[in-house]
Amino acid sequence: MAEAKFTALVLAASRRGAQDPVAQIQGLSHKCLVKLNGVPMVQRVIDALRGAKNIERIFISIESPDILRTVPALAAMLDSGDIVAVQSEGNLAQSLYRALGEIENPFPLAVSTADNALHTPELVDHFCADVMMSSSDVVVGMTRAQLILEKYPGGQRAFHRLSDGAYSSCNLYCIKNAQGTNAAQAFSTGGQFGKKPHRIINAFGIVAFIMYKLRLVPLAGVMRQISRALKVNVETVLIPWAEGPIDVDNANDYALVSRILEAREGKVA
């Protein structure tokens, strides 16, 4: 694994289209096209992956490549083969399985989402380096809540509160091998377990849900429960950037991410 090059898959399909609250901010048909400091959020995710030295190929799971072609920079990337669109399906799990069926030699597969607008090449490479050192089938990127709130006191996320502290998912995953594809079934209800914890029951069972809600286990213990439920070895790596879990799901996120990007880049007219 030390010299492995990763394939990246960006999950960019919209379940709500123009009715998505983020899409409505700019009156667009698709959330991933919303501009953040002048750049569509899906382009920001792609740029971060293209800049990462460990990412070799990039695929975008979306309803139609025509959505991406509305952005000139992405149309050029499609034409050059720098990115490849694959057809999305009805839910995250189905979209992931379809992509795995269409991508030749997909592993290790780094999976991101189109609203990870604050991810950087350095963050992606840090994640990939930790994945290379892991012997698990699936790796999940997480960040400690304390790190987020110390830098962004208003950046409240859907934290997973466990016996050893609180954490937030970075929406960054790696499926390292064919065995790891079994983990996709956990997303058949849509994921977002921190925001919709009742989905934990469907994915992992009532016992795991009770232990999670009562904060009876640490993060490593949760991963062991998930591993047993999915029959794959799952572990986490900690992402030491407060921005890692800050995606764009609502107007408050949009405002926060816009402020962060303006401070990072200067305000774009």
Protein backbone atom coordinates (compact mmCIF):
# COMPACT_ATOMS: atom_id res chain seq x y z
CA MET A 1 0.00 0.00 0.00
CA ALA A 2 2.90 2.41 0.51
CA GLU A 3 2.98 3.36 -3.18
CA ALA A 4 -0.71 2.89 -3.94
CA LYS A 5 -2.50 5.50 -5.99
CA PHE A 6 -6.11 6.11 -5.08
CA THR A 7 -9.19 6.35 -7.24
CA ALA A 8 -11.58 9.04 -6.00
CA LEU A 9 -15.37 8.99 -6.25
CA VAL A 10 -17.32 12.18 -5.55
CA LEU A 11 -20.98 11.63 -4.65
CA ALA A 12 -22.65 14.63 -6.27
CA ALA A 13 -26.24 13.57 -6.96
CA SER A 14 -29.03 15.67 -5.46
CA ARG A 15 -32.07 14.03 -3.86
CA ARG A 16 -34.06 17.29 -3.74
CA GLY A 17 -32.95 19.16 -6.85
CA ALA A 18 -34.05 22.79 -6.95
CA GLN A 19 -35.92 22.27 -3.67
CA ASP A 20 -32.69 21.74 -1.76
CA PRO A 21 -32.31 24.61 0.75
CA VAL A 22 -28.75 25.31 -0.39
CA ALA A 23 -29.69 25.26 -4.10
CA GLN A 24 -32.48 27.74 -3.32
CA ILE A 25 -29.96 30.29 -1.99
CA GLN A 26 -28.80 30.96 -5.56
CA GLY A 27 -31.89 29.70 -7.40
CA LEU A 28 -30.06 26.78 -8.98
CA SER A 29 -31.27 23.36 -10.07
CA HIS A 30 -28.59 21.47 -8.21
CA LYS A 31 -26.90 21.99 -4.84
CA CYS A 32 -23.42 21.08 -6.06
CA LEU A 33 -23.47 24.02 -8.52
CA VAL A 34 -23.87 26.65 -5.79
CA LYS A 35 -20.91 29.02 -5.85
CA LEU A 36 -18.86 29.56 -2.72
CA ASN A 37 -16.68 32.63 -3.01
CA GLY A 38 -17.10 32.49 -6.77
CA VAL A 39 -16.42 28.77 -7.36
CA PRO A 40 -19.06 25.98 -7.60
CA MET A 41 -18.72 23.72 -4.58
CA VAL A 42 -18.35 20.54 -6.64
CA GLN A 43 -15.47 22.18 -8.53
CA ARG A 44 -13.80 22.97 -5.20
CA VAL A 45 -14.00 19.31 -4.19
CA ILE A 46 -12.61 18.19 -7.55
CA ASP A 47 -9.80 20.75 -7.38
CA ALA A 48 -8.79 19.47 -3.94
CA LEU A 49 -8.66 15.90 -5.26
CA ARG A 50 -6.76 16.90 -8.42
CA GLY A 51 -4.19 18.66 -6.27
CA ALA A 52 -3.64 15.67 -4.00
CA LYS A 53 -0.57 13.66 -4.98
CA ASN A 54 -2.15 10.37 -3.89
CA ILE A 55 -5.22 10.65 -6.15
CA GLU A 56 -4.78 9.22 -9.63
CA ARG A 57 -8.30 9.13 -11.10
CA ILE A 58 -11.50 11.04 -10.29
CA PHE A 59 -15.06 9.90 -10.95
CA ILE A 60 -18.21 11.91 -10.24
CA SER A 61 -21.46 10.10 -9.40
CA ILE A 62 -24.26 12.36 -10.65
CA GLU A 63 -27.62 12.18 -12.43
CA SER A 64 -26.18 13.44 -15.73
CA PRO A 65 -22.83 14.78 -16.95
CA ASP A 66 -24.81 17.67 -18.43
CA ILE A 67 -25.11 19.08 -14.89
CA LEU A 68 -21.34 19.28 -14.67
CA ARG A 69 -21.08 20.71 -18.18
CA THR A 70 -22.89 23.86 -17.05
CA VAL A 71 -19.57 24.77 -15.37
CA PRO A 72 -17.01 25.54 -18.13
CA ALA A 73 -14.02 24.35 -16.11
CA LEU A 74 -15.71 21.01 -15.42
CA ALA A 75 -16.82 20.63 -19.04
CA ALA A 76 -13.17 20.97 -20.03
CA MET A 77 -12.15 18.35 -17.46
CA LEU A 78 -14.78 15.95 -18.79
CA ASP A 79 -13.57 16.47 -22.36
CA SER A 80 -9.94 15.90 -21.38
CA GLY A 81 -10.72 12.85 -19.27
CA ASP A 82 -9.42 14.46 -16.09
CA ILE A 83 -12.76 13.57 -14.53
CA VAL A 84 -15.32 10.94 -15.55
CA ALA A 85 -19.05 11.04 -14.80
CA VAL A 86 -20.83 7.87 -13.70
CA GLN A 87 -24.58 7.49 -13.40
CA SER A 88 -25.97 7.90 -9.89
CA GLU A 89 -28.78 5.73 -8.54
CA GLY A 90 -31.63 6.05 -6.05
CA ASN A 91 -29.55 6.16 -2.89
CA LEU A 92 -25.94 6.39 -1.77
CA ALA A 93 -25.46 2.64 -1.51
CA GLN A 94 -26.85 1.97 -4.99
CA SER A 95 -24.78 4.79 -6.46
CA LEU A 96 -21.65 3.41 -4.86
CA TYR A 97 -22.31 -0.12 -6.10
CA ARG A 98 -22.96 1.14 -9.62
CA ALA A 99 -19.74 3.14 -9.63
CA LEU A 100 -17.77 0.16 -8.37
CA GLY A 101 -19.23 -1.89 -11.21
CA GLU A 102 -18.19 0.65 -13.83
CA ILE A 103 -14.75 1.67 -12.60
CA GLU A 104 -11.96 -0.65 -13.64
CA ASN A 105 -9.63 -1.59 -10.77
CA PRO A 106 -11.29 0.86 -8.34
CA PHE A 107 -9.33 0.04 -5.16
CA PRO A 108 -8.31 1.76 -3.03
CA LEU A 109 -11.34 3.99 -3.52
CA ALA A 110 -11.52 7.32 -1.67
CA VAL A 111 -15.12 8.47 -1.43
CA SER A 112 -15.96 12.14 -0.92
CA THR A 113 -19.08 14.27 -1.30
CA ALA A 114 -19.72 17.30 -3.49
CA ASP A 115 -20.33 19.63 -0.53
CA ASN A 116 -16.91 19.11 1.10
CA ALA A 117 -15.98 22.59 -0.10
CA LEU A 118 -13.30 23.20 2.54
CA HIS A 119 -11.24 20.10 1.83
CA THR A 120 -7.74 20.77 0.56
CA PRO A 121 -5.10 18.66 -1.21
CA GLU A 122 -3.16 18.54 2.08
CA LEU A 123 -6.19 17.17 3.94
CA VAL A 124 -6.83 14.54 1.25
CA ASP A 125 -3.19 13.44 1.20
CA HIS A 126 -3.11 13.24 5.00
CA PHE A 127 -6.14 10.96 4.89
CA CYS A 128 -4.64 8.79 2.14
CA ALA A 129 -1.34 8.46 4.02
CA ASP A 130 -3.15 7.23 7.13
CA VAL A 131 -5.23 4.84 5.02
CA MET A 132 -2.04 3.34 3.59
CA MET A 133 -0.93 2.48 7.12
CA SER A 134 -4.22 0.79 7.98
CA SER A 135 -4.91 -2.91 7.61
CA SER A 136 -8.71 -2.43 7.67
CA ASP A 137 -11.07 -2.92 4.75
CA VAL A 138 -12.78 0.45 5.24
CA VAL A 139 -11.46 3.67 6.76
CA VAL A 140 -13.54 6.64 7.89
CA GLY A 141 -12.21 10.18 8.37
CA MET A 142 -13.31 11.86 11.62
CA THR A 143 -12.41 15.06 13.48
CA ARG A 144 -12.69 15.78 17.19
CA ALA A 145 -15.48 18.19 18.09
CA GLN A 146 -13.18 20.12 20.39
CA LEU A 147 -10.92 21.00 17.47
CA ILE A 148 -13.85 22.31 15.44
CA LEU A 149 -15.42 24.37 18.21
CA GLU A 150 -12.14 25.88 19.35
CA LYS A 151 -11.60 27.36 15.89
CA TYR A 152 -15.23 27.90 14.89
CA PRO A 153 -17.40 28.35 18.00
CA GLY A 154 -20.44 28.71 15.77
CA GLY A 155 -19.58 25.64 13.72
CA GLN A 156 -21.86 23.23 15.57
CA ARG A 157 -22.07 19.92 13.71
CA ALA A 158 -24.04 16.73 14.21
CA PHE A 159 -21.50 15.37 16.67
CA HIS A 160 -21.20 11.71 17.62
CA ARG A 161 -20.95 11.96 21.42
CA LEU A 162 -19.16 8.89 22.77
CA SER A 163 -17.53 7.83 26.01
CA ASP A 164 -14.13 9.20 24.93
CA GLY A 165 -15.38 12.49 23.49
CA ALA A 166 -17.35 13.89 20.58
CA TYR A 167 -16.49 13.51 16.91
CA SER A 168 -17.81 14.59 13.53
CA SER A 169 -17.52 12.78 10.21
CA CYS A 170 -15.53 14.42 7.44
CA ASN A 171 -17.61 12.70 4.73
CA LEU A 172 -14.36 11.15 3.58
CA TYR A 173 -14.09 7.38 3.36
CA CYS A 174 -11.91 4.74 1.80
CA ILE A 175 -12.90 1.30 0.56
CA LYS A 176 -9.61 -0.51 0.27
CA ASN A 177 -10.67 -3.82 -1.27
CA ALA A 178 -13.60 -5.87 -2.55
CA GLN A 179 -14.45 -7.08 0.96
CA GLY A 180 -14.92 -3.47 1.99
CA THR A 181 -17.76 -2.96 -0.48
CA ASN A 182 -20.06 -4.69 2.04
CA ALA A 183 -19.91 -1.48 4.06
CA ALA A 184 -21.94 0.31 1.38
CA GLN A 185 -25.10 -1.36 2.68
CA ALA A 186 -24.92 0.95 5.72
CA PHE A 187 -25.85 3.83 3.42
CA SER A 188 -28.96 2.21 1.94
CA THR A 189 -31.08 4.58 4.09
CA GLY A 190 -29.01 7.62 3.16
CA GLY A 191 -26.35 7.86 5.85
CA GLN A 192 -26.11 11.11 7.87
CA PHE A 193 -26.13 9.10 11.09
CA GLY A 194 -25.19 12.08 13.24
CA LYS A 195 -28.11 14.13 11.91
CA LYS A 196 -30.54 11.20 11.74
CA PRO A 197 -29.41 8.72 14.42
CA HIS A 198 -32.51 6.54 14.03
CA ARG A 199 -30.85 5.27 10.85
CA ILE A 200 -28.29 3.57 13.10
CA ILE A 201 -30.99 1.04 14.03
CA ASN A 202 -31.56 0.08 10.40
CA ALA A 203 -27.87 -0.06 9.60
CA PHE A 204 -26.34 -1.60 12.73
CA GLY A 205 -29.14 -2.84 15.01
CA ILE A 206 -30.91 -1.74 18.17
CA VAL A 207 -28.10 -2.74 20.54
CA ALA A 208 -25.61 -0.56 18.73
CA PHE A 209 -28.14 2.29 18.77
CA ILE A 210 -28.71 2.05 22.53
CA MET A 211 -25.00 1.92 23.29
CA TYR A 212 -24.45 4.88 20.99
CA LYS A 213 -27.22 6.97 22.54
CA LEU A 214 -26.06 6.21 26.09
CA ARG A 215 -22.43 6.95 25.20
CA LEU A 216 -21.31 3.60 26.56
CA VAL A 217 -18.45 2.99 24.13
CA PRO A 218 -15.49 4.95 22.75
CA LEU A 219 -14.94 5.62 19.06
CA ALA A 220 -12.86 2.45 18.63
CA GLY A 221 -15.65 0.43 20.23
CA VAL A 222 -18.21 1.87 17.84
CA MET A 223 -15.99 0.83 14.92
CA ARG A 224 -15.81 -2.72 16.32
CA GLN A 225 -19.61 -2.86 16.49
CA ILE A 226 -19.91 -1.57 12.95
CA SER A 227 -17.31 -4.09 11.78
CA ARG A 228 -19.31 -6.96 13.28
CA ALA A 229 -22.58 -5.72 11.81
CA LEU A 230 -21.17 -5.23 8.30
CA LYS A 231 -18.74 -8.18 8.39
CA VAL A 232 -15.85 -5.96 7.36
CA ASN A 233 -12.97 -4.40 9.28
CA VAL A 234 -13.72 -0.70 9.76
CA GLU A 235 -11.61 1.87 11.55
CA THR A 236 -11.27 5.62 11.75
CA VAL A 237 -8.43 8.03 11.14
CA LEU A 238 -8.47 11.44 12.78
CA ILE A 239 -8.29 14.44 10.49
CA PRO A 240 -6.47 17.29 12.30
CA TRP A 241 -8.21 20.10 10.43
CA ALA A 242 -11.24 21.82 11.96
CA GLU A 243 -12.58 22.41 8.44
CA GLY A 244 -12.73 18.70 7.60
CA PRO A 245 -16.32 18.04 8.75
CA ILE A 246 -17.78 21.41 7.74
CA ASP A 247 -19.89 20.67 4.69
CA VAL A 248 -22.72 22.73 3.22
CA ASP A 249 -26.14 21.37 4.19
CA ASN A 250 -28.08 24.53 5.02
CA ALA A 251 -28.01 28.33 4.97
CA ASN A 252 -25.95 28.53 8.17
CA ASP A 253 -23.32 26.20 6.71
CA TYR A 254 -23.32 28.24 3.51
CA ALA A 255 -22.66 31.45 5.44
CA LEU A 256 -19.91 29.87 7.58
CA VAL A 257 -18.11 28.22 4.64
CA SER A 258 -18.36 31.44 2.63
CA ARG A 259 -16.72 33.38 5.46
CA ILE A 260 -13.95 30.82 5.81
CA LEU A 261 -13.22 30.85 2.08
CA GLU A 262 -13.27 34.63 1.90
CA ALA A 263 -10.74 34.79 4.75
CA ARG A 264 -8.62 32.13 3.03
CA GLU A 265 -8.75 33.50 -0.50
CA GLY A 266 -9.94 37.08 -0.30
CA LYS A 267 -13.46 37.98 -1.32
CA VAL A 268 -14.29 37.21 -4.95
CA ALA A 269 -16.66 39.63 -6.63
